[in-house]
Amino acid sequence: MSEARASVQATSRVGTNLAEAKGLALRLPDLLVEARRVATTVLAGWHGRRRAGPGETFWQFRPFVAGEAPGRIDWRRSARDDHFYIREREWEAAHTIWLAADLSRSMDFRSRLALASKRDRAVVLLLALGDLLAAAGERIGLLGLSDPILSRNAAERLAETLAHFDTDQPALPAALRLSRFADLVVIGDFLDPLDEIEARLAEYARHGATVHLVEIRDPVEETFPYAGRTEFRDPESGALYTIGRAEQIAEDYRKRLVARRETLAATCRRLGWTYLTHRTDHPATEPLLALHARLSARTTQGDRA
């Protein structure tokens, strides 16, 4: 009897996961448009590293200068007029920026005060950041889901990958593809057990990556405005929790939330990483601008190294 029940539960879970994946896939075109709008807001201030140098990606043609090796002349382009041209390739630093977003059920929460669900906001930030990084000539990938790419249409390709994501993916992906000097941006609510989160962060640290955590919160998760008899449901397990007078635990809840956040922030400071918090009743441009500043500083330092 227990085996039959387990089989039914497993089938139900697969069906729920498939429905969630399809729901996200249907929203992705709109989320990509929103991501483009957000990215455009900060694109003018983004200073990338596009320059001529060793690489495989075509960048531009420029006039041949006397004294350069004739073997560098692009004869096909030069045949179009009376000038010689050099085919320059884009400089590619050995630097990869990995992106990851928590798309678990807890991220699907949205209160009436929020502009978007936590999941949709995380996807918009991920795609907008991908668009900015692509414009800056960076190599980006979805950790645990795709290979890193260097492409001007990276945001579309990231969205295409997310459209087929597995809802059972861990909130914090494994560090298997991380390498020294790589950057990793993780966007989520970080509501998993704290010891599990810190164990995964330690794994990232052992690989030598620099991590940027972006904590997404719905406004009611911060303020806890509940009072009286209130029923809470765990979005991951479905378990129900009923509290007779919710206002009596509000202060303790807020203290625990702050303590949890301070623990993660302290870990990031100790490792030289960054930690941002963002509420879904605020514009998506706010965390994107902050990430822009941090990643710009990182790539500039990398250029000097």
C-alpha atoms as a PDB file:
ATOM      1  CA  MET A   1       0.000   0.000   0.000  1.00  0.00           C
ATOM      2  CA  SER A   2       2.848   2.360   0.918  1.00  0.00           C
ATOM      3  CA  GLU A   3       4.578   1.586  -2.410  1.00  0.00           C
ATOM      4  CA  ALA A   4       1.412   2.467  -4.325  1.00  0.00           C
ATOM      5  CA  ARG A   5       1.085   5.716  -2.394  1.00  0.00           C
ATOM      6  CA  ALA A   6       4.732   6.573  -3.114  1.00  0.00           C
ATOM      7  CA  SER A   7       4.178   5.849  -6.803  1.00  0.00           C
ATOM      8  CA  VAL A   8       1.140   8.148  -6.899  1.00  0.00           C
ATOM      9  CA  GLN A   9       3.062  10.893  -5.108  1.00  0.00           C
ATOM     10  CA  ALA A  10       5.988  10.556  -7.517  1.00  0.00           C
ATOM     11  CA  THR A  11       3.661  10.756 -10.523  1.00  0.00           C
ATOM     12  CA  SER A  12       1.955  13.816  -9.048  1.00  0.00           C
ATOM     13  CA  ARG A  13       5.317  15.484  -8.424  1.00  0.00           C
ATOM     14  CA  VAL A  14       6.424  14.873 -12.019  1.00  0.00           C
ATOM     15  CA  GLY A  15       3.159  16.353 -13.286  1.00  0.00           C
ATOM     16  CA  THR A  16       3.536  19.415 -11.060  1.00  0.00           C
ATOM     17  CA  ASN A  17       7.129  19.943 -12.158  1.00  0.00           C
ATOM     18  CA  LEU A  18       6.132  19.658 -15.818  1.00  0.00           C
ATOM     19  CA  ALA A  19       3.313  22.170 -15.357  1.00  0.00           C
ATOM     20  CA  GLU A  20       5.676  24.626 -13.653  1.00  0.00           C
ATOM     21  CA  ALA A  21       8.265  24.264 -16.413  1.00  0.00           C
ATOM     22  CA  LYS A  22       5.613  24.833 -19.088  1.00  0.00           C
ATOM     23  CA  GLY A  23       4.282  27.851 -17.205  1.00  0.00           C
ATOM     24  CA  LEU A  24       7.728  29.431 -17.067  1.00  0.00           C
ATOM     25  CA  ALA A  25       8.369  28.646 -20.728  1.00  0.00           C
ATOM     26  CA  LEU A  26       5.136  30.427 -21.699  1.00  0.00           C
ATOM     27  CA  ARG A  27       6.137  33.528 -19.703  1.00  0.00           C
ATOM     28  CA  LEU A  28       9.712  33.663 -20.989  1.00  0.00           C
ATOM     29  CA  PRO A  29       9.047  35.806 -24.094  1.00  0.00           C
ATOM     30  CA  ASP A  30       7.462  38.503 -21.919  1.00  0.00           C
ATOM     31  CA  LEU A  31      10.203  38.146 -19.301  1.00  0.00           C
ATOM     32  CA  LEU A  32      12.853  38.513 -22.017  1.00  0.00           C
ATOM     33  CA  VAL A  33      11.207  41.733 -23.224  1.00  0.00           C
ATOM     34  CA  GLU A  34      11.165  43.028 -19.641  1.00  0.00           C
ATOM     35  CA  ALA A  35      14.802  42.008 -19.201  1.00  0.00           C
ATOM     36  CA  ARG A  36      15.758  43.923 -22.350  1.00  0.00           C
ATOM     37  CA  ARG A  37      13.958  47.016 -21.049  1.00  0.00           C
ATOM     38  CA  VAL A  38      15.764  46.782 -17.715  1.00  0.00           C
ATOM     39  CA  ALA A  39      19.132  46.176 -19.379  1.00  0.00           C
ATOM     40  CA  THR A  40      18.682  49.138 -21.702  1.00  0.00           C
ATOM     41  CA  THR A  41      18.289  51.392 -18.673  1.00  0.00           C
ATOM     42  CA  VAL A  42      21.830  50.682 -17.497  1.00  0.00           C
ATOM     43  CA  LEU A  43      23.543  49.711 -20.765  1.00  0.00           C
ATOM     44  CA  ALA A  44      24.897  53.207 -21.431  1.00  0.00           C
ATOM     45  CA  GLY A  45      26.957  53.059 -18.247  1.00  0.00           C
ATOM     46  CA  TRP A  46      28.378  49.596 -18.844  1.00  0.00           C
ATOM     47  CA  HIS A  47      32.060  49.585 -19.727  1.00  0.00           C
ATOM     48  CA  GLY A  48      33.013  46.268 -21.264  1.00  0.00           C
ATOM     49  CA  ARG A  49      36.340  44.931 -22.423  1.00  0.00           C
ATOM     50  CA  ARG A  50      35.828  44.801 -26.183  1.00  0.00           C
ATOM     51  CA  ARG A  51      39.130  45.363 -27.948  1.00  0.00           C
ATOM     52  CA  ALA A  52      41.283  43.864 -30.673  1.00  0.00           C
ATOM     53  CA  GLY A  53      43.442  40.903 -29.771  1.00  0.00           C
ATOM     54  CA  PRO A  54      43.762  37.109 -29.889  1.00  0.00           C
ATOM     55  CA  GLY A  55      40.461  35.302 -30.254  1.00  0.00           C
ATOM     56  CA  GLU A  56      38.099  33.588 -32.669  1.00  0.00           C
ATOM     57  CA  THR A  57      35.225  36.084 -32.869  1.00  0.00           C
ATOM     58  CA  PHE A  58      35.252  38.673 -35.666  1.00  0.00           C
ATOM     59  CA  TRP A  59      35.218  42.234 -34.344  1.00  0.00           C
ATOM     60  CA  GLN A  60      35.882  44.712 -37.162  1.00  0.00           C
ATOM     61  CA  PHE A  61      37.859  45.587 -40.297  1.00  0.00           C
ATOM     62  CA  ARG A  62      40.417  48.376 -40.064  1.00  0.00           C
ATOM     63  CA  PRO A  63      42.780  49.941 -42.641  1.00  0.00           C
ATOM     64  CA  PHE A  64      46.149  48.272 -43.142  1.00  0.00           C
ATOM     65  CA  VAL A  65      49.059  50.270 -41.698  1.00  0.00           C
ATOM     66  CA  ALA A  66      52.477  50.297 -43.395  1.00  0.00           C
ATOM     67  CA  GLY A  67      54.902  48.057 -41.541  1.00  0.00           C
ATOM     68  CA  GLU A  68      52.361  45.389 -40.594  1.00  0.00           C
ATOM     69  CA  ALA A  69      52.767  41.829 -41.818  1.00  0.00           C
ATOM     70  CA  PRO A  70      51.100  41.416 -45.269  1.00  0.00           C
ATOM     71  CA  GLY A  71      49.772  38.069 -44.091  1.00  0.00           C
ATOM     72  CA  ARG A  72      47.282  39.894 -41.873  1.00  0.00           C
ATOM     73  CA  ILE A  73      45.517  41.519 -44.841  1.00  0.00           C
ATOM     74  CA  ASP A  74      41.983  40.301 -45.547  1.00  0.00           C
ATOM     75  CA  TRP A  75      42.186  40.073 -49.337  1.00  0.00           C
ATOM     76  CA  ARG A  76      38.485  39.434 -49.899  1.00  0.00           C
ATOM     77  CA  ARG A  77      37.486  42.616 -48.059  1.00  0.00           C
ATOM     78  CA  SER A  78      40.338  44.582 -49.644  1.00  0.00           C
ATOM     79  CA  ALA A  79      39.203  43.573 -53.144  1.00  0.00           C
ATOM     80  CA  ARG A  80      36.036  45.652 -52.747  1.00  0.00           C
ATOM     81  CA  ASP A  81      37.888  48.995 -53.075  1.00  0.00           C
ATOM     82  CA  ASP A  82      41.352  50.494 -53.382  1.00  0.00           C
ATOM     83  CA  HIS A  83      42.440  50.013 -49.748  1.00  0.00           C
ATOM     84  CA  PHE A  84      43.941  47.140 -47.797  1.00  0.00           C
ATOM     85  CA  TYR A  85      42.086  45.996 -44.658  1.00  0.00           C
ATOM     86  CA  ILE A  86      43.021  43.978 -41.591  1.00  0.00           C
ATOM     87  CA  ARG A  87      40.400  41.614 -40.177  1.00  0.00           C
ATOM     88  CA  GLU A  88      40.559  42.114 -36.411  1.00  0.00           C
ATOM     89  CA  ARG A  89      39.316  39.534 -33.994  1.00  0.00           C
ATOM     90  CA  GLU A  90      37.837  40.283 -30.611  1.00  0.00           C
ATOM     91  CA  TRP A  91      40.069  40.034 -27.572  1.00  0.00           C
ATOM     92  CA  GLU A  92      38.870  37.256 -25.313  1.00  0.00           C
ATOM     93  CA  ALA A  93      40.125  37.202 -21.744  1.00  0.00           C
ATOM     94  CA  ALA A  94      40.243  33.848 -19.976  1.00  0.00           C
ATOM     95  CA  HIS A  95      37.354  34.922 -17.802  1.00  0.00           C
ATOM     96  CA  THR A  96      33.898  33.393 -17.505  1.00  0.00           C
ATOM     97  CA  ILE A  97      30.865  34.704 -15.657  1.00  0.00           C
ATOM     98  CA  TRP A  98      28.430  32.017 -14.603  1.00  0.00           C
ATOM     99  CA  LEU A  99      24.793  32.814 -13.790  1.00  0.00           C
ATOM    100  CA  ALA A 100      22.317  30.845 -11.693  1.00  0.00           C
ATOM    101  CA  ALA A 101      18.769  31.464 -10.494  1.00  0.00           C
ATOM    102  CA  ASP A 102      16.743  29.544  -7.936  1.00  0.00           C
ATOM    103  CA  LEU A 103      13.562  28.470  -9.760  1.00  0.00           C
ATOM    104  CA  SER A 104      12.155  26.269  -6.987  1.00  0.00           C
ATOM    105  CA  ARG A 105       8.576  26.491  -5.729  1.00  0.00           C
ATOM    106  CA  SER A 106       9.395  28.914  -2.917  1.00  0.00           C
ATOM    107  CA  MET A 107      10.404  31.430  -5.586  1.00  0.00           C
ATOM    108  CA  ASP A 108       6.910  31.364  -7.102  1.00  0.00           C
ATOM    109  CA  PHE A 109       5.515  33.420  -4.210  1.00  0.00           C
ATOM    110  CA  ARG A 110       4.005  36.834  -4.902  1.00  0.00           C
ATOM    111  CA  SER A 111       1.997  39.007  -2.549  1.00  0.00           C
ATOM    112  CA  ARG A 112      -0.358  41.811  -3.548  1.00  0.00           C
ATOM    113  CA  LEU A 113       2.377  44.333  -2.694  1.00  0.00           C
ATOM    114  CA  ALA A 114       4.916  42.919  -5.148  1.00  0.00           C
ATOM    115  CA  LEU A 115       5.509  43.923  -8.758  1.00  0.00           C
ATOM    116  CA  ALA A 116       6.363  40.342  -9.721  1.00  0.00           C
ATOM    117  CA  SER A 117       6.866  36.913  -8.243  1.00  0.00           C
ATOM    118  CA  LYS A 118      10.307  36.161  -6.882  1.00  0.00           C
ATOM    119  CA  ARG A 119      10.844  33.620  -9.666  1.00  0.00           C
ATOM    120  CA  ASP A 120       9.907  36.031 -12.463  1.00  0.00           C
ATOM    121  CA  ARG A 121      12.076  38.769 -10.976  1.00  0.00           C
ATOM    122  CA  ALA A 122      15.025  36.351 -10.724  1.00  0.00           C
ATOM    123  CA  VAL A 123      14.601  35.356 -14.384  1.00  0.00           C
ATOM    124  CA  VAL A 124      14.367  38.998 -15.500  1.00  0.00           C
ATOM    125  CA  LEU A 125      17.533  39.881 -13.592  1.00  0.00           C
ATOM    126  CA  LEU A 126      19.384  36.862 -14.972  1.00  0.00           C
ATOM    127  CA  LEU A 127      18.405  37.619 -18.584  1.00  0.00           C
ATOM    128  CA  ALA A 128      19.042  41.353 -18.240  1.00  0.00           C
ATOM    129  CA  LEU A 129      22.464  40.692 -16.756  1.00  0.00           C
ATOM    130  CA  GLY A 130      23.160  38.218 -19.555  1.00  0.00           C
ATOM    131  CA  ASP A 131      22.227  40.885 -22.094  1.00  0.00           C
ATOM    132  CA  LEU A 132      24.581  43.407 -20.497  1.00  0.00           C
ATOM    133  CA  LEU A 133      27.434  40.935 -20.262  1.00  0.00           C
ATOM    134  CA  ALA A 134      26.957  39.922 -23.896  1.00  0.00           C
ATOM    135  CA  ALA A 135      27.085  43.584 -24.950  1.00  0.00           C
ATOM    136  CA  ALA A 136      30.303  43.933 -22.956  1.00  0.00           C
ATOM    137  CA  GLY A 137      31.865  40.973 -24.768  1.00  0.00           C
ATOM    138  CA  GLU A 138      31.917  38.631 -21.786  1.00  0.00           C
ATOM    139  CA  ARG A 139      31.635  34.840 -21.894  1.00  0.00           C
ATOM    140  CA  ILE A 140      28.622  33.666 -19.882  1.00  0.00           C
ATOM    141  CA  GLY A 141      26.843  30.433 -19.029  1.00  0.00           C
ATOM    142  CA  LEU A 142      24.156  28.979 -16.783  1.00  0.00           C
ATOM    143  CA  LEU A 143      25.968  26.967 -14.124  1.00  0.00           C
ATOM    144  CA  GLY A 144      24.789  23.373 -14.256  1.00  0.00           C
ATOM    145  CA  LEU A 145      22.609  23.980 -17.331  1.00  0.00           C
ATOM    146  CA  SER A 146      24.747  25.195 -20.245  1.00  0.00           C
ATOM    147  CA  ASP A 147      28.244  25.736 -21.559  1.00  0.00           C
ATOM    148  CA  PRO A 148      29.651  29.279 -21.450  1.00  0.00           C
ATOM    149  CA  ILE A 149      29.097  31.241 -24.656  1.00  0.00           C
ATOM    150  CA  LEU A 150      30.379  34.443 -26.226  1.00  0.00           C
ATOM    151  CA  SER A 151      27.480  35.729 -28.289  1.00  0.00           C
ATOM    152  CA  ARG A 152      25.550  38.938 -28.860  1.00  0.00           C
ATOM    153  CA  ASN A 153      22.251  37.037 -28.597  1.00  0.00           C
ATOM    154  CA  ALA A 154      23.226  35.393 -25.306  1.00  0.00           C
ATOM    155  CA  ALA A 155      20.029  36.494 -23.547  1.00  0.00           C
ATOM    156  CA  GLU A 156      17.877  34.642 -26.088  1.00  0.00           C
ATOM    157  CA  ARG A 157      20.012  31.545 -25.750  1.00  0.00           C
ATOM    158  CA  LEU A 158      19.816  31.687 -21.950  1.00  0.00           C
ATOM    159  CA  ALA A 159      16.027  32.007 -22.185  1.00  0.00           C
ATOM    160  CA  GLU A 160      15.915  29.014 -24.524  1.00  0.00           C
ATOM    161  CA  THR A 161      17.841  26.943 -21.992  1.00  0.00           C
ATOM    162  CA  LEU A 162      15.602  28.053 -19.120  1.00  0.00           C
ATOM    163  CA  ALA A 163      12.541  27.039 -21.115  1.00  0.00           C
ATOM    164  CA  HIS A 164      13.639  23.412 -20.679  1.00  0.00           C
ATOM    165  CA  PHE A 165      14.878  23.593 -17.107  1.00  0.00           C
ATOM    166  CA  ASP A 166      14.236  20.840 -14.576  1.00  0.00           C
ATOM    167  CA  THR A 167      12.293  22.112 -11.552  1.00  0.00           C
ATOM    168  CA  ASP A 168      14.211  19.651  -9.382  1.00  0.00           C
ATOM    169  CA  GLN A 169      17.428  21.596  -9.997  1.00  0.00           C
ATOM    170  CA  PRO A 170      19.069  22.592  -6.673  1.00  0.00           C
ATOM    171  CA  ALA A 171      18.696  26.196  -5.542  1.00  0.00           C
ATOM    172  CA  LEU A 172      22.496  26.455  -5.483  1.00  0.00           C
ATOM    173  CA  PRO A 173      24.009  24.487  -8.386  1.00  0.00           C
ATOM    174  CA  ALA A 174      27.047  22.260  -7.981  1.00  0.00           C
ATOM    175  CA  ALA A 175      30.456  23.836  -8.536  1.00  0.00           C
ATOM    176  CA  LEU A 176      31.688  21.271 -11.070  1.00  0.00           C
ATOM    177  CA  ARG A 177      32.285  23.766 -13.902  1.00  0.00           C
ATOM    178  CA  LEU A 178      33.654  26.596 -11.772  1.00  0.00           C
ATOM    179  CA  SER A 179      37.285  27.553 -12.164  1.00  0.00           C
ATOM    180  CA  ARG A 180      39.685  29.947 -10.543  1.00  0.00           C
ATOM    181  CA  PHE A 181      39.081  33.626 -11.387  1.00  0.00           C
ATOM    182  CA  ALA A 182      35.559  32.917 -12.696  1.00  0.00           C
ATOM    183  CA  ASP A 183      32.621  34.918 -11.363  1.00  0.00           C
ATOM    184  CA  LEU A 184      29.329  33.380 -10.294  1.00  0.00           C
ATOM    185  CA  VAL A 185      26.105  35.357  -9.814  1.00  0.00           C
ATOM    186  CA  VAL A 186      23.434  33.453  -7.849  1.00  0.00           C
ATOM    187  CA  ILE A 187      19.915  34.893  -7.579  1.00  0.00           C
ATOM    188  CA  GLY A 188      17.449  33.367  -5.113  1.00  0.00           C
ATOM    189  CA  ASP A 189      15.689  33.637  -1.775  1.00  0.00           C
ATOM    190  CA  PHE A 190      18.241  31.434   0.066  1.00  0.00           C
ATOM    191  CA  LEU A 191      15.605  29.759   2.252  1.00  0.00           C
ATOM    192  CA  ASP A 192      17.257  26.349   2.279  1.00  0.00           C
ATOM    193  CA  PRO A 193      18.779  25.226   5.599  1.00  0.00           C
ATOM    194  CA  LEU A 194      21.654  27.563   6.397  1.00  0.00           C
ATOM    195  CA  ASP A 195      24.181  24.751   6.892  1.00  0.00           C
ATOM    196  CA  GLU A 196      23.406  23.420   3.394  1.00  0.00           C
ATOM    197  CA  ILE A 197      23.842  26.870   1.869  1.00  0.00           C
ATOM    198  CA  GLU A 198      27.156  27.441   3.622  1.00  0.00           C
ATOM    199  CA  ALA A 199      28.412  24.010   2.568  1.00  0.00           C
ATOM    200  CA  ARG A 200      27.727  24.866  -1.072  1.00  0.00           C
ATOM    201  CA  LEU A 201      29.348  28.298  -0.696  1.00  0.00           C
ATOM    202  CA  ALA A 202      32.429  26.594   0.751  1.00  0.00           C
ATOM    203  CA  GLU A 203      32.466  24.401  -2.363  1.00  0.00           C
ATOM    204  CA  TYR A 204      32.475  27.512  -4.559  1.00  0.00           C
ATOM    205  CA  ALA A 205      35.311  28.969  -2.491  1.00  0.00           C
ATOM    206  CA  ARG A 206      37.423  25.828  -2.922  1.00  0.00           C
ATOM    207  CA  HIS A 207      37.128  26.236  -6.694  1.00  0.00           C
ATOM    208  CA  GLY A 208      38.511  29.770  -6.422  1.00  0.00           C
ATOM    209  CA  ALA A 209      35.474  31.560  -7.884  1.00  0.00           C
ATOM    210  CA  THR A 210      34.239  34.985  -6.856  1.00  0.00           C
ATOM    211  CA  VAL A 211      30.557  34.796  -5.941  1.00  0.00           C
ATOM    212  CA  HIS A 212      27.873  37.494  -6.006  1.00  0.00           C
ATOM    213  CA  LEU A 213      24.691  36.580  -4.116  1.00  0.00           C
ATOM    214  CA  VAL A 214      21.437  38.420  -4.857  1.00  0.00           C
ATOM    215  CA  GLU A 215      18.745  37.725  -2.275  1.00  0.00           C
ATOM    216  CA  ILE A 216      15.201  38.185  -3.588  1.00  0.00           C
ATOM    217  CA  ARG A 217      12.434  38.887  -1.077  1.00  0.00           C
ATOM    218  CA  ASP A 218       8.742  39.620  -1.366  1.00  0.00           C
ATOM    219  CA  PRO A 219       7.849  42.660   0.790  1.00  0.00           C
ATOM    220  CA  VAL A 220       5.598  40.623   3.122  1.00  0.00           C
ATOM    221  CA  GLU A 221       8.484  38.221   3.770  1.00  0.00           C
ATOM    222  CA  GLU A 222      10.351  41.167   5.260  1.00  0.00           C
ATOM    223  CA  THR A 223       7.566  42.915   7.147  1.00  0.00           C
ATOM    224  CA  PHE A 224       5.465  39.878   8.206  1.00  0.00           C
ATOM    225  CA  PRO A 225       2.184  41.841   8.336  1.00  0.00           C
ATOM    226  CA  TYR A 226       0.048  38.906   9.493  1.00  0.00           C
ATOM    227  CA  ALA A 227      -2.258  38.929  12.503  1.00  0.00           C
ATOM    228  CA  GLY A 228      -4.774  36.574  14.067  1.00  0.00           C
ATOM    229  CA  ARG A 229      -5.218  32.959  13.069  1.00  0.00           C
ATOM    230  CA  THR A 230      -3.052  32.421   9.982  1.00  0.00           C
ATOM    231  CA  GLU A 231      -2.301  29.322   7.935  1.00  0.00           C
ATOM    232  CA  PHE A 232       1.080  29.012   6.192  1.00  0.00           C
ATOM    233  CA  ARG A 233       1.920  26.386   3.585  1.00  0.00           C
ATOM    234  CA  ASP A 234       5.427  25.191   2.769  1.00  0.00           C
ATOM    235  CA  PRO A 235       5.659  25.539  -1.040  1.00  0.00           C
ATOM    236  CA  GLU A 236       8.274  22.799  -1.260  1.00  0.00           C
ATOM    237  CA  SER A 237       6.663  20.052   0.846  1.00  0.00           C
ATOM    238  CA  GLY A 238       3.038  21.221   0.961  1.00  0.00           C
ATOM    239  CA  ALA A 239       3.037  21.008   4.767  1.00  0.00           C
ATOM    240  CA  LEU A 240       0.582  23.347   6.526  1.00  0.00           C
ATOM    241  CA  TYR A 241       1.379  25.408   9.633  1.00  0.00           C
ATOM    242  CA  THR A 242      -1.410  27.124  11.574  1.00  0.00           C
ATOM    243  CA  ILE A 243      -0.663  29.878  14.083  1.00  0.00           C
ATOM    244  CA  GLY A 244      -3.370  31.161  16.416  1.00  0.00           C
ATOM    245  CA  ARG A 245      -2.031  34.703  16.739  1.00  0.00           C
ATOM    246  CA  ALA A 246       0.531  35.410  14.032  1.00  0.00           C
ATOM    247  CA  GLU A 247       1.396  38.874  15.382  1.00  0.00           C
ATOM    248  CA  GLN A 248       2.972  37.248  18.440  1.00  0.00           C
ATOM    249  CA  ILE A 249       5.786  35.711  16.379  1.00  0.00           C
ATOM    250  CA  ALA A 250       6.337  38.668  14.036  1.00  0.00           C
ATOM    251  CA  GLU A 251       9.221  40.211  15.968  1.00  0.00           C
ATOM    252  CA  ASP A 252      11.002  36.894  16.425  1.00  0.00           C
ATOM    253  CA  TYR A 253      10.533  36.135  12.721  1.00  0.00           C
ATOM    254  CA  ARG A 254      12.072  39.445  11.665  1.00  0.00           C
ATOM    255  CA  LYS A 255      15.034  38.955  14.026  1.00  0.00           C
ATOM    256  CA  ARG A 256      15.685  35.492  12.617  1.00  0.00           C
ATOM    257  CA  LEU A 257      15.504  36.814   9.061  1.00  0.00           C
ATOM    258  CA  VAL A 258      18.003  39.577   9.824  1.00  0.00           C
ATOM    259  CA  ALA A 259      20.336  37.127  11.605  1.00  0.00           C
ATOM    260  CA  ARG A 260      20.212  34.744   8.649  1.00  0.00           C
ATOM    261  CA  ARG A 261      20.986  37.553   6.239  1.00  0.00           C
ATOM    262  CA  GLU A 262      23.849  38.833   8.374  1.00  0.00           C
ATOM    263  CA  THR A 263      25.367  35.344   8.515  1.00  0.00           C
ATOM    264  CA  LEU A 264      25.396  35.051   4.712  1.00  0.00           C
ATOM    265  CA  ALA A 265      26.660  38.614   4.298  1.00  0.00           C
ATOM    266  CA  ALA A 266      29.479  37.948   6.777  1.00  0.00           C
ATOM    267  CA  THR A 267      30.490  34.817   4.841  1.00  0.00           C
ATOM    268  CA  CYS A 268      30.622  36.844   1.617  1.00  0.00           C
ATOM    269  CA  ARG A 269      32.695  39.615   3.223  1.00  0.00           C
ATOM    270  CA  ARG A 270      35.167  37.085   4.619  1.00  0.00           C
ATOM    271  CA  LEU A 271      35.667  35.523   1.190  1.00  0.00           C
ATOM    272  CA  GLY A 272      35.825  38.835  -0.679  1.00  0.00           C
ATOM    273  CA  TRP A 273      32.451  38.213  -2.333  1.00  0.00           C
ATOM    274  CA  THR A 274      29.410  40.482  -2.618  1.00  0.00           C
ATOM    275  CA  TYR A 275      25.901  40.203  -1.192  1.00  0.00           C
ATOM    276  CA  LEU A 276      22.851  42.166  -2.356  1.00  0.00           C
ATOM    277  CA  THR A 277      19.255  42.179  -1.154  1.00  0.00           C
ATOM    278  CA  HIS A 278      16.311  43.117  -3.342  1.00  0.00           C
ATOM    279  CA  ARG A 279      12.571  43.397  -2.710  1.00  0.00           C
ATOM    280  CA  THR A 280      10.099  42.657  -5.460  1.00  0.00           C
ATOM    281  CA  ASP A 281       8.166  45.862  -4.783  1.00  0.00           C
ATOM    282  CA  HIS A 282      11.238  47.798  -6.002  1.00  0.00           C
ATOM    283  CA  PRO A 283      12.389  48.250  -9.629  1.00  0.00           C
ATOM    284  CA  ALA A 284      14.573  45.524 -11.130  1.00  0.00           C
ATOM    285  CA  THR A 285      17.075  48.179 -12.212  1.00  0.00           C
ATOM    286  CA  GLU A 286      18.266  48.632  -8.617  1.00  0.00           C
ATOM    287  CA  PRO A 287      20.058  45.279  -8.160  1.00  0.00           C
ATOM    288  CA  LEU A 288      21.155  45.296 -11.800  1.00  0.00           C
ATOM    289  CA  LEU A 289      22.928  48.625 -11.331  1.00  0.00           C
ATOM    290  CA  ALA A 290      24.605  47.311  -8.187  1.00  0.00           C
ATOM    291  CA  LEU A 291      25.739  44.152  -9.981  1.00  0.00           C
ATOM    292  CA  HIS A 292      26.995  46.317 -12.836  1.00  0.00           C
ATOM    293  CA  ALA A 293      29.243  48.225 -10.440  1.00  0.00           C
ATOM    294  CA  ARG A 294      30.628  45.076  -8.842  1.00  0.00           C
ATOM    295  CA  LEU A 295      31.261  43.166 -12.063  1.00  0.00           C
ATOM    296  CA  SER A 296      32.709  46.247 -13.776  1.00  0.00           C
ATOM    297  CA  ALA A 297      35.198  46.575 -10.923  1.00  0.00           C
ATOM    298  CA  ARG A 298      36.054  42.883 -11.202  1.00  0.00           C
ATOM    299  CA  THR A 299      36.667  42.933 -14.974  1.00  0.00           C
ATOM    300  CA  THR A 300      38.707  46.123 -14.712  1.00  0.00           C
ATOM    301  CA  GLN A 301      40.908  44.481 -12.085  1.00  0.00           C
ATOM    302  CA  GLY A 302      41.203  41.451 -14.346  1.00  0.00           C
ATOM    303  CA  ASP A 303      42.422  43.639 -17.193  1.00  0.00           C
ATOM    304  CA  ARG A 304      45.144  45.094 -14.984  1.00  0.00           C
ATOM    305  CA  ALA A 305      46.270  41.685 -13.735  1.00  0.00           C
END
